[in-house]
Amino acid sequence: HNLLAQVVGRKYVVLFAPDQTEGLYPHEPPSLLTNTSQVDVEHPDLNRFPKFTSTHWTACVLRPGEMLYIPPKHWHYIRSLDTSFSVSFWWA
């Protein structure tokens, strides 16, 4: 579980449910990046990652004073839109 609290600035956030993993092309073992997608979410190379076209996601802009719950095992992509600062609260 994760709560992402935005303190300063804005962030663009994209969340993918665990059942979208195949279309995100995680790095293969023995890589230490098996929890990291190879796809550039905003500029995907659809020749290399054709299954990405069938993925479903939810996107939002997180603003100062807002908090977003990120469920366990959900993939996330985050990009700062401004100079920003956020705090994550993780728990099991």
N, C-alpha and C. Protein backbone atom coordinates (compact mmCIF):
# COMPACT_ATOMS: atom_id res chain seq x y z
N HIS A 1 0.84 -1.18 0.00
CA HIS A 1 0.00 0.00 0.00
C HIS A 1 0.88 1.23 0.00
N ASN A 2 0.45 2.25 -0.70
CA ASN A 2 1.21 3.50 -0.77
C ASN A 2 0.24 4.67 -0.84
N LEU A 3 0.51 5.69 -0.04
CA LEU A 3 -0.16 6.97 -0.17
C LEU A 3 0.88 7.95 -0.67
N LEU A 4 0.60 8.57 -1.80
CA LEU A 4 1.49 9.56 -2.38
C LEU A 4 0.88 10.93 -2.10
N ALA A 5 1.54 11.72 -1.27
CA ALA A 5 1.06 13.04 -0.87
C ALA A 5 1.84 14.11 -1.62
N GLN A 6 1.14 14.95 -2.34
CA GLN A 6 1.77 16.02 -3.10
C GLN A 6 1.84 17.27 -2.22
N VAL A 7 3.06 17.79 -2.05
CA VAL A 7 3.28 18.94 -1.18
C VAL A 7 3.40 20.22 -2.00
N VAL A 8 4.24 20.21 -3.02
CA VAL A 8 4.50 21.38 -3.85
C VAL A 8 4.46 20.96 -5.32
N GLY A 9 3.91 21.78 -6.18
CA GLY A 9 3.89 21.49 -7.61
C GLY A 9 2.87 20.43 -7.98
N ARG A 10 2.88 20.04 -9.25
CA ARG A 10 1.93 19.06 -9.77
C ARG A 10 2.69 17.88 -10.38
N LYS A 11 2.05 16.71 -10.32
CA LYS A 11 2.61 15.52 -10.96
C LYS A 11 1.54 14.83 -11.78
N TYR A 12 1.95 14.37 -12.96
CA TYR A 12 1.10 13.55 -13.82
C TYR A 12 1.32 12.10 -13.39
N VAL A 13 0.23 11.40 -13.09
CA VAL A 13 0.31 10.03 -12.57
C VAL A 13 -0.53 9.11 -13.44
N VAL A 14 0.06 7.97 -13.83
CA VAL A 14 -0.66 6.94 -14.57
C VAL A 14 -0.56 5.65 -13.76
N LEU A 15 -1.69 5.00 -13.52
CA LEU A 15 -1.72 3.73 -12.79
C LEU A 15 -2.22 2.61 -13.69
N PHE A 16 -1.56 1.45 -13.57
CA PHE A 16 -1.94 0.25 -14.30
C PHE A 16 -2.20 -0.85 -13.28
N ALA A 17 -3.32 -1.54 -13.40
CA ALA A 17 -3.63 -2.66 -12.51
C ALA A 17 -2.68 -3.82 -12.78
N PRO A 18 -2.51 -4.70 -11.80
CA PRO A 18 -1.60 -5.84 -11.98
C PRO A 18 -1.92 -6.71 -13.20
N ASP A 19 -3.20 -6.77 -13.60
CA ASP A 19 -3.54 -7.61 -14.75
C ASP A 19 -3.09 -7.00 -16.08
N GLN A 20 -2.47 -5.82 -16.05
CA GLN A 20 -1.95 -5.17 -17.25
C GLN A 20 -0.45 -5.42 -17.45
N THR A 21 0.15 -6.21 -16.58
CA THR A 21 1.60 -6.43 -16.57
C THR A 21 2.15 -6.88 -17.92
N GLU A 22 1.48 -7.79 -18.58
CA GLU A 22 2.00 -8.32 -19.85
C GLU A 22 2.23 -7.21 -20.88
N GLY A 23 1.34 -6.25 -20.94
CA GLY A 23 1.47 -5.16 -21.90
C GLY A 23 2.47 -4.09 -21.51
N LEU A 24 3.03 -4.21 -20.30
CA LEU A 24 4.02 -3.24 -19.83
C LEU A 24 5.45 -3.73 -20.01
N TYR A 25 5.61 -4.95 -20.43
CA TYR A 25 6.93 -5.53 -20.74
C TYR A 25 7.96 -5.27 -19.64
N PRO A 26 7.74 -5.87 -18.45
CA PRO A 26 8.75 -5.71 -17.41
C PRO A 26 10.07 -6.35 -17.85
N HIS A 27 11.16 -5.85 -17.32
CA HIS A 27 12.47 -6.44 -17.59
C HIS A 27 12.46 -7.89 -17.10
N GLU A 28 13.16 -8.74 -17.81
CA GLU A 28 13.21 -10.17 -17.49
C GLU A 28 14.30 -10.45 -16.45
N PRO A 29 14.08 -11.48 -15.61
CA PRO A 29 15.16 -11.92 -14.71
C PRO A 29 16.33 -12.39 -15.56
N PRO A 30 17.54 -12.27 -15.13
CA PRO A 30 17.97 -11.94 -13.77
C PRO A 30 18.11 -10.43 -13.52
N SER A 31 17.55 -9.60 -14.36
CA SER A 31 17.65 -8.15 -14.15
C SER A 31 17.10 -7.77 -12.78
N LEU A 32 17.70 -6.77 -12.19
CA LEU A 32 17.19 -6.25 -10.92
C LEU A 32 15.99 -5.33 -11.16
N LEU A 33 15.62 -5.13 -12.42
CA LEU A 33 14.55 -4.20 -12.77
C LEU A 33 13.25 -4.92 -13.14
N THR A 34 13.02 -6.10 -12.58
CA THR A 34 11.83 -6.87 -12.96
C THR A 34 10.54 -6.17 -12.56
N ASN A 35 10.62 -5.15 -11.71
CA ASN A 35 9.43 -4.38 -11.35
C ASN A 35 9.37 -3.06 -12.13
N THR A 36 10.13 -2.98 -13.23
CA THR A 36 10.20 -1.77 -14.05
C THR A 36 9.81 -2.10 -15.49
N SER A 37 8.93 -1.30 -16.04
CA SER A 37 8.49 -1.48 -17.42
C SER A 37 9.56 -0.99 -18.39
N GLN A 38 9.64 -1.65 -19.53
CA GLN A 38 10.54 -1.20 -20.60
C GLN A 38 9.88 -0.16 -21.49
N VAL A 39 8.58 0.04 -21.33
CA VAL A 39 7.81 0.93 -22.20
C VAL A 39 7.89 2.38 -21.71
N ASP A 40 8.15 3.29 -22.62
CA ASP A 40 8.04 4.72 -22.33
C ASP A 40 6.55 5.04 -22.48
N VAL A 41 5.87 5.19 -21.38
CA VAL A 41 4.41 5.31 -21.37
C VAL A 41 3.91 6.47 -22.24
N GLU A 42 4.62 7.58 -22.25
CA GLU A 42 4.15 8.74 -23.01
C GLU A 42 4.55 8.70 -24.49
N HIS A 43 5.57 7.90 -24.81
CA HIS A 43 6.03 7.77 -26.20
C HIS A 43 6.39 6.30 -26.46
N PRO A 44 5.39 5.41 -26.44
CA PRO A 44 5.70 3.98 -26.58
C PRO A 44 6.18 3.62 -27.98
N ASP A 45 7.15 2.72 -28.04
CA ASP A 45 7.62 2.16 -29.30
C ASP A 45 6.73 0.94 -29.57
N LEU A 46 5.69 1.14 -30.36
CA LEU A 46 4.71 0.07 -30.58
C LEU A 46 5.22 -1.05 -31.46
N ASN A 47 6.32 -0.84 -32.17
CA ASN A 47 6.94 -1.94 -32.91
C ASN A 47 7.60 -2.91 -31.95
N ARG A 48 8.26 -2.38 -30.92
CA ARG A 48 8.91 -3.24 -29.91
C ARG A 48 7.93 -3.77 -28.88
N PHE A 49 6.88 -2.98 -28.57
CA PHE A 49 5.97 -3.31 -27.48
C PHE A 49 4.51 -3.25 -27.95
N PRO A 50 4.14 -4.10 -28.90
CA PRO A 50 2.80 -4.01 -29.50
C PRO A 50 1.65 -4.27 -28.52
N LYS A 51 1.87 -5.06 -27.49
CA LYS A 51 0.80 -5.36 -26.53
C LYS A 51 0.42 -4.15 -25.68
N PHE A 52 1.28 -3.12 -25.69
CA PHE A 52 0.97 -1.92 -24.91
C PHE A 52 -0.32 -1.26 -25.41
N THR A 53 -0.63 -1.43 -26.69
CA THR A 53 -1.84 -0.79 -27.24
C THR A 53 -3.12 -1.31 -26.59
N SER A 54 -3.07 -2.49 -26.00
CA SER A 54 -4.28 -3.04 -25.38
C SER A 54 -4.31 -2.86 -23.86
N THR A 55 -3.35 -2.13 -23.32
CA THR A 55 -3.37 -1.91 -21.86
C THR A 55 -4.41 -0.85 -21.50
N HIS A 56 -4.89 -0.95 -20.28
CA HIS A 56 -5.86 0.01 -19.72
C HIS A 56 -5.21 0.67 -18.52
N TRP A 57 -5.48 1.95 -18.36
CA TRP A 57 -4.88 2.67 -17.24
C TRP A 57 -5.81 3.78 -16.78
N THR A 58 -5.45 4.35 -15.64
CA THR A 58 -6.13 5.51 -15.07
C THR A 58 -5.07 6.59 -14.90
N ALA A 59 -5.38 7.81 -15.31
CA ALA A 59 -4.42 8.91 -15.20
C ALA A 59 -5.05 10.09 -14.45
N CYS A 60 -4.20 10.86 -13.79
CA CYS A 60 -4.66 12.06 -13.10
C CYS A 60 -3.50 13.02 -12.93
N VAL A 61 -3.81 14.23 -12.53
CA VAL A 61 -2.80 15.20 -12.14
C VAL A 61 -2.96 15.41 -10.65
N LEU A 62 -1.90 15.15 -9.90
CA LEU A 62 -1.89 15.31 -8.45
C LEU A 62 -1.40 16.72 -8.13
N ARG A 63 -2.19 17.46 -7.36
CA ARG A 63 -1.89 18.86 -7.04
C ARG A 63 -1.52 19.00 -5.57
N PRO A 64 -0.90 20.11 -5.20
CA PRO A 64 -0.52 20.32 -3.80
C PRO A 64 -1.72 20.13 -2.86
N GLY A 65 -1.48 19.40 -1.79
CA GLY A 65 -2.52 19.13 -0.81
C GLY A 65 -3.33 17.89 -1.12
N GLU A 66 -3.11 17.27 -2.27
CA GLU A 66 -3.84 16.06 -2.62
C GLU A 66 -3.01 14.82 -2.32
N MET A 67 -3.73 13.72 -2.09
CA MET A 67 -3.07 12.45 -1.78
C MET A 67 -3.71 11.37 -2.64
N LEU A 68 -2.89 10.46 -3.16
CA LEU A 68 -3.37 9.38 -4.01
C LEU A 68 -3.00 8.04 -3.38
N TYR A 69 -3.97 7.14 -3.29
CA TYR A 69 -3.72 5.78 -2.82
C TYR A 69 -3.30 4.93 -4.02
N ILE A 70 -2.16 4.25 -3.90
CA ILE A 70 -1.69 3.33 -4.93
C ILE A 70 -1.74 1.92 -4.33
N PRO A 71 -2.66 1.08 -4.83
CA PRO A 71 -2.81 -0.27 -4.28
C PRO A 71 -1.57 -1.14 -4.51
N PRO A 72 -1.43 -2.20 -3.72
CA PRO A 72 -0.31 -3.12 -3.90
C PRO A 72 -0.26 -3.69 -5.32
N LYS A 73 0.95 -3.83 -5.82
CA LYS A 73 1.26 -4.45 -7.12
C LYS A 73 0.77 -3.65 -8.33
N HIS A 74 0.26 -2.45 -8.11
CA HIS A 74 -0.12 -1.60 -9.24
C HIS A 74 1.13 -0.93 -9.80
N TRP A 75 1.21 -0.90 -11.12
CA TRP A 75 2.29 -0.22 -11.80
C TRP A 75 1.98 1.27 -11.81
N HIS A 76 3.00 2.09 -11.73
CA HIS A 76 2.77 3.53 -11.79
C HIS A 76 3.85 4.22 -12.60
N TYR A 77 3.42 5.27 -13.26
CA TYR A 77 4.32 6.15 -14.01
C TYR A 77 4.02 7.55 -13.49
N ILE A 78 5.08 8.28 -13.13
CA ILE A 78 4.89 9.62 -12.56
C ILE A 78 5.88 10.58 -13.21
N ARG A 79 5.36 11.75 -13.61
CA ARG A 79 6.21 12.79 -14.18
C ARG A 79 5.84 14.13 -13.55
N SER A 80 6.85 14.85 -13.09
CA SER A 80 6.61 16.19 -12.54
C SER A 80 6.22 17.14 -13.65
N LEU A 81 5.20 17.93 -13.40
CA LEU A 81 4.78 18.96 -14.35
C LEU A 81 5.36 20.31 -13.98
N ASP A 82 5.77 20.45 -12.73
CA ASP A 82 6.38 21.66 -12.20
C ASP A 82 7.51 21.23 -11.27
N THR A 83 8.27 22.20 -10.77
CA THR A 83 9.16 21.88 -9.66
C THR A 83 8.26 21.36 -8.55
N SER A 84 8.56 20.18 -8.04
CA SER A 84 7.60 19.57 -7.11
C SER A 84 8.31 18.77 -6.02
N PHE A 85 7.51 18.50 -5.00
CA PHE A 85 7.97 17.70 -3.86
C PHE A 85 6.77 16.88 -3.39
N SER A 86 7.00 15.60 -3.19
CA SER A 86 5.94 14.74 -2.67
C SER A 86 6.52 13.81 -1.62
N VAL A 87 5.65 13.21 -0.84
CA VAL A 87 6.04 12.28 0.22
C VAL A 87 5.23 11.01 0.03
N SER A 88 5.89 9.85 0.10
CA SER A 88 5.22 8.56 0.00
C SER A 88 5.17 7.90 1.36
N PHE A 89 4.01 7.35 1.68
CA PHE A 89 3.83 6.59 2.91
C PHE A 89 3.55 5.16 2.50
N TRP A 90 4.49 4.24 2.77
CA TRP A 90 4.35 2.83 2.42
C TRP A 90 4.01 2.02 3.66
N TRP A 91 3.13 1.03 3.55
CA TRP A 91 2.87 0.10 4.63
C TRP A 91 2.38 -1.21 4.06
N ALA A 92 2.48 -2.25 4.86
CA ALA A 92 2.07 -3.58 4.40
C ALA A 92 0.67 -3.90 4.86
